[in-house]
Amino acid sequence: MLRWENLGTVSLSQSRVVPYFLARPMIEILAGQAMINANFMAKDPGTPPSSLGTAIRIRRGTKNAIVDSIQLNGNKIENGAGPRALLANNQP
């Protein structure tokens, strides 16, 4: 879906993100900075809980990230950036 791997900044707000490949994250941040807020991570109504995956993956090389107010719908956030990523007010 969205794979950010340069030193700039990406911002994604108030969007509906639909997974096409459940084996990959819907949003993946590998470098630079990210501001991701108020998004809805969609899933097909018939998707069993065992098929849910990663909504957002923040990799170790990320300079910093803010991820807040996300409707995850059973998907997860993976934070490899540790304290350089601020995760707040996200709904499971």
C-alpha atoms as a PDB file:
ATOM      1  CA  MET A   1       0.000   0.000   0.000  1.00  0.00           C
ATOM      2  CA  LEU A   2       2.357   2.735   1.272  1.00  0.00           C
ATOM      3  CA  ARG A   3       6.070   2.027   1.647  1.00  0.00           C
ATOM      4  CA  TRP A   4       8.188   5.040   2.632  1.00  0.00           C
ATOM      5  CA  GLU A   5      11.943   4.571   2.314  1.00  0.00           C
ATOM      6  CA  ASN A   6      13.509   7.996   1.747  1.00  0.00           C
ATOM      7  CA  LEU A   7      14.777  10.687   4.109  1.00  0.00           C
ATOM      8  CA  GLY A   8      11.846  13.067   3.589  1.00  0.00           C
ATOM      9  CA  THR A   9       8.521  13.267   5.401  1.00  0.00           C
ATOM     10  CA  VAL A  10       5.279  11.472   4.616  1.00  0.00           C
ATOM     11  CA  SER A  11       1.877  12.410   5.995  1.00  0.00           C
ATOM     12  CA  LEU A  12      -1.324  10.364   5.705  1.00  0.00           C
ATOM     13  CA  SER A  13      -4.507  11.619   7.358  1.00  0.00           C
ATOM     14  CA  GLN A  14      -8.200  10.787   7.330  1.00  0.00           C
ATOM     15  CA  SER A  15      -7.930   7.935   4.845  1.00  0.00           C
ATOM     16  CA  ARG A  16      -9.461   4.496   4.460  1.00  0.00           C
ATOM     17  CA  VAL A  17      -6.681   1.980   3.854  1.00  0.00           C
ATOM     18  CA  VAL A  18      -7.645  -1.403   2.382  1.00  0.00           C
ATOM     19  CA  PRO A  19      -5.255  -4.388   2.527  1.00  0.00           C
ATOM     20  CA  TYR A  20      -4.650  -6.050  -0.814  1.00  0.00           C
ATOM     21  CA  PHE A  21      -1.832  -8.284   0.431  1.00  0.00           C
ATOM     22  CA  LEU A  22      -2.413  -9.565   3.960  1.00  0.00           C
ATOM     23  CA  ALA A  23       1.184 -10.830   4.098  1.00  0.00           C
ATOM     24  CA  ARG A  24       2.471  -7.227   3.925  1.00  0.00           C
ATOM     25  CA  PRO A  25       1.780  -4.212   6.138  1.00  0.00           C
ATOM     26  CA  MET A  26      -0.704  -1.647   4.856  1.00  0.00           C
ATOM     27  CA  ILE A  27       1.768   1.137   5.725  1.00  0.00           C
ATOM     28  CA  GLU A  28       5.518   0.574   6.135  1.00  0.00           C
ATOM     29  CA  ILE A  29       7.958   3.292   7.186  1.00  0.00           C
ATOM     30  CA  LEU A  30      11.625   2.416   6.631  1.00  0.00           C
ATOM     31  CA  ALA A  31      13.330   5.839   6.857  1.00  0.00           C
ATOM     32  CA  GLY A  32      12.665   9.540   7.255  1.00  0.00           C
ATOM     33  CA  GLN A  33       9.748  10.963   9.169  1.00  0.00           C
ATOM     34  CA  ALA A  34       6.059  10.055   9.222  1.00  0.00           C
ATOM     35  CA  MET A  35       2.858  11.621  10.480  1.00  0.00           C
ATOM     36  CA  ILE A  36      -0.014   9.144  10.273  1.00  0.00           C
ATOM     37  CA  ASN A  37      -3.266  10.105  11.949  1.00  0.00           C
ATOM     38  CA  ALA A  38      -7.023   9.557  11.927  1.00  0.00           C
ATOM     39  CA  ASN A  39      -7.012   6.658   9.457  1.00  0.00           C
ATOM     40  CA  PHE A  40      -9.337   3.660   9.151  1.00  0.00           C
ATOM     41  CA  MET A  41      -7.644   0.310   8.475  1.00  0.00           C
ATOM     42  CA  ALA A  42     -10.307  -1.627   6.610  1.00  0.00           C
ATOM     43  CA  LYS A  43     -10.890  -5.341   6.346  1.00  0.00           C
ATOM     44  CA  ASP A  44     -13.398  -7.398   4.436  1.00  0.00           C
ATOM     45  CA  PRO A  45     -16.457  -8.173   6.584  1.00  0.00           C
ATOM     46  CA  GLY A  46     -15.888 -11.933   6.307  1.00  0.00           C
ATOM     47  CA  THR A  47     -12.192 -11.853   7.251  1.00  0.00           C
ATOM     48  CA  PRO A  48     -11.515 -14.281  10.111  1.00  0.00           C
ATOM     49  CA  PRO A  49      -9.423 -12.957  13.042  1.00  0.00           C
ATOM     50  CA  SER A  50      -6.570 -15.328  12.118  1.00  0.00           C
ATOM     51  CA  SER A  51      -6.185 -13.518   8.771  1.00  0.00           C
ATOM     52  CA  LEU A  52      -5.617 -10.076  10.260  1.00  0.00           C
ATOM     53  CA  GLY A  53      -2.143  -8.645   9.862  1.00  0.00           C
ATOM     54  CA  THR A  54       0.011  -5.592  10.326  1.00  0.00           C
ATOM     55  CA  ALA A  55      -1.596  -2.237   9.690  1.00  0.00           C
ATOM     56  CA  ILE A  56       1.539  -0.143  10.244  1.00  0.00           C
ATOM     57  CA  ARG A  57       5.173  -1.243  10.505  1.00  0.00           C
ATOM     58  CA  ILE A  58       7.766   1.304  11.615  1.00  0.00           C
ATOM     59  CA  ARG A  59      11.316   0.101  10.959  1.00  0.00           C
ATOM     60  CA  ARG A  60      14.472   0.799  12.950  1.00  0.00           C
ATOM     61  CA  GLY A  61      15.834   3.229  10.294  1.00  0.00           C
ATOM     62  CA  THR A  62      12.938   5.662  10.773  1.00  0.00           C
ATOM     63  CA  LYS A  63      14.078   9.075  12.085  1.00  0.00           C
ATOM     64  CA  ASN A  64      10.785   9.679  13.906  1.00  0.00           C
ATOM     65  CA  ALA A  65       7.091   8.954  13.546  1.00  0.00           C
ATOM     66  CA  ILE A  66       3.774  10.006  15.021  1.00  0.00           C
ATOM     67  CA  VAL A  67       0.930   7.490  14.697  1.00  0.00           C
ATOM     68  CA  ASP A  68      -2.316   8.446  16.383  1.00  0.00           C
ATOM     69  CA  SER A  69      -6.085   8.002  16.284  1.00  0.00           C
ATOM     70  CA  ILE A  70      -6.001   4.916  14.038  1.00  0.00           C
ATOM     71  CA  GLN A  71      -8.969   2.511  13.827  1.00  0.00           C
ATOM     72  CA  LEU A  72      -7.031  -0.769  13.540  1.00  0.00           C
ATOM     73  CA  ASN A  73     -10.006  -3.170  13.254  1.00  0.00           C
ATOM     74  CA  GLY A  74      -7.988  -6.027  14.755  1.00  0.00           C
ATOM     75  CA  ASN A  75      -4.766  -5.325  12.836  1.00  0.00           C
ATOM     76  CA  LYS A  76      -1.593  -4.369  14.708  1.00  0.00           C
ATOM     77  CA  ILE A  77       1.156  -1.763  14.772  1.00  0.00           C
ATOM     78  CA  GLU A  78       4.786  -2.960  14.819  1.00  0.00           C
ATOM     79  CA  ASN A  79       7.225  -0.412  16.237  1.00  0.00           C
ATOM     80  CA  GLY A  80      10.870  -1.099  15.463  1.00  0.00           C
ATOM     81  CA  ALA A  81      11.879   2.546  16.049  1.00  0.00           C
ATOM     82  CA  GLY A  82      11.346   2.403  19.809  1.00  0.00           C
ATOM     83  CA  PRO A  83      11.072   5.824  21.499  1.00  0.00           C
ATOM     84  CA  ARG A  84      11.495   7.658  18.168  1.00  0.00           C
ATOM     85  CA  ALA A  85       7.899   6.664  17.379  1.00  0.00           C
ATOM     86  CA  LEU A  86       4.977   8.152  19.275  1.00  0.00           C
ATOM     87  CA  LEU A  87       1.927   5.848  19.257  1.00  0.00           C
ATOM     88  CA  ALA A  88      -1.215   7.275  20.874  1.00  0.00           C
ATOM     89  CA  ASN A  89      -5.011   6.955  20.955  1.00  0.00           C
ATOM     90  CA  ASN A  90      -5.141   4.024  18.524  1.00  0.00           C
ATOM     91  CA  GLN A  91      -8.208   1.769  18.690  1.00  0.00           C
ATOM     92  CA  PRO A  92      -7.784  -2.007  18.436  1.00  0.00           C
END
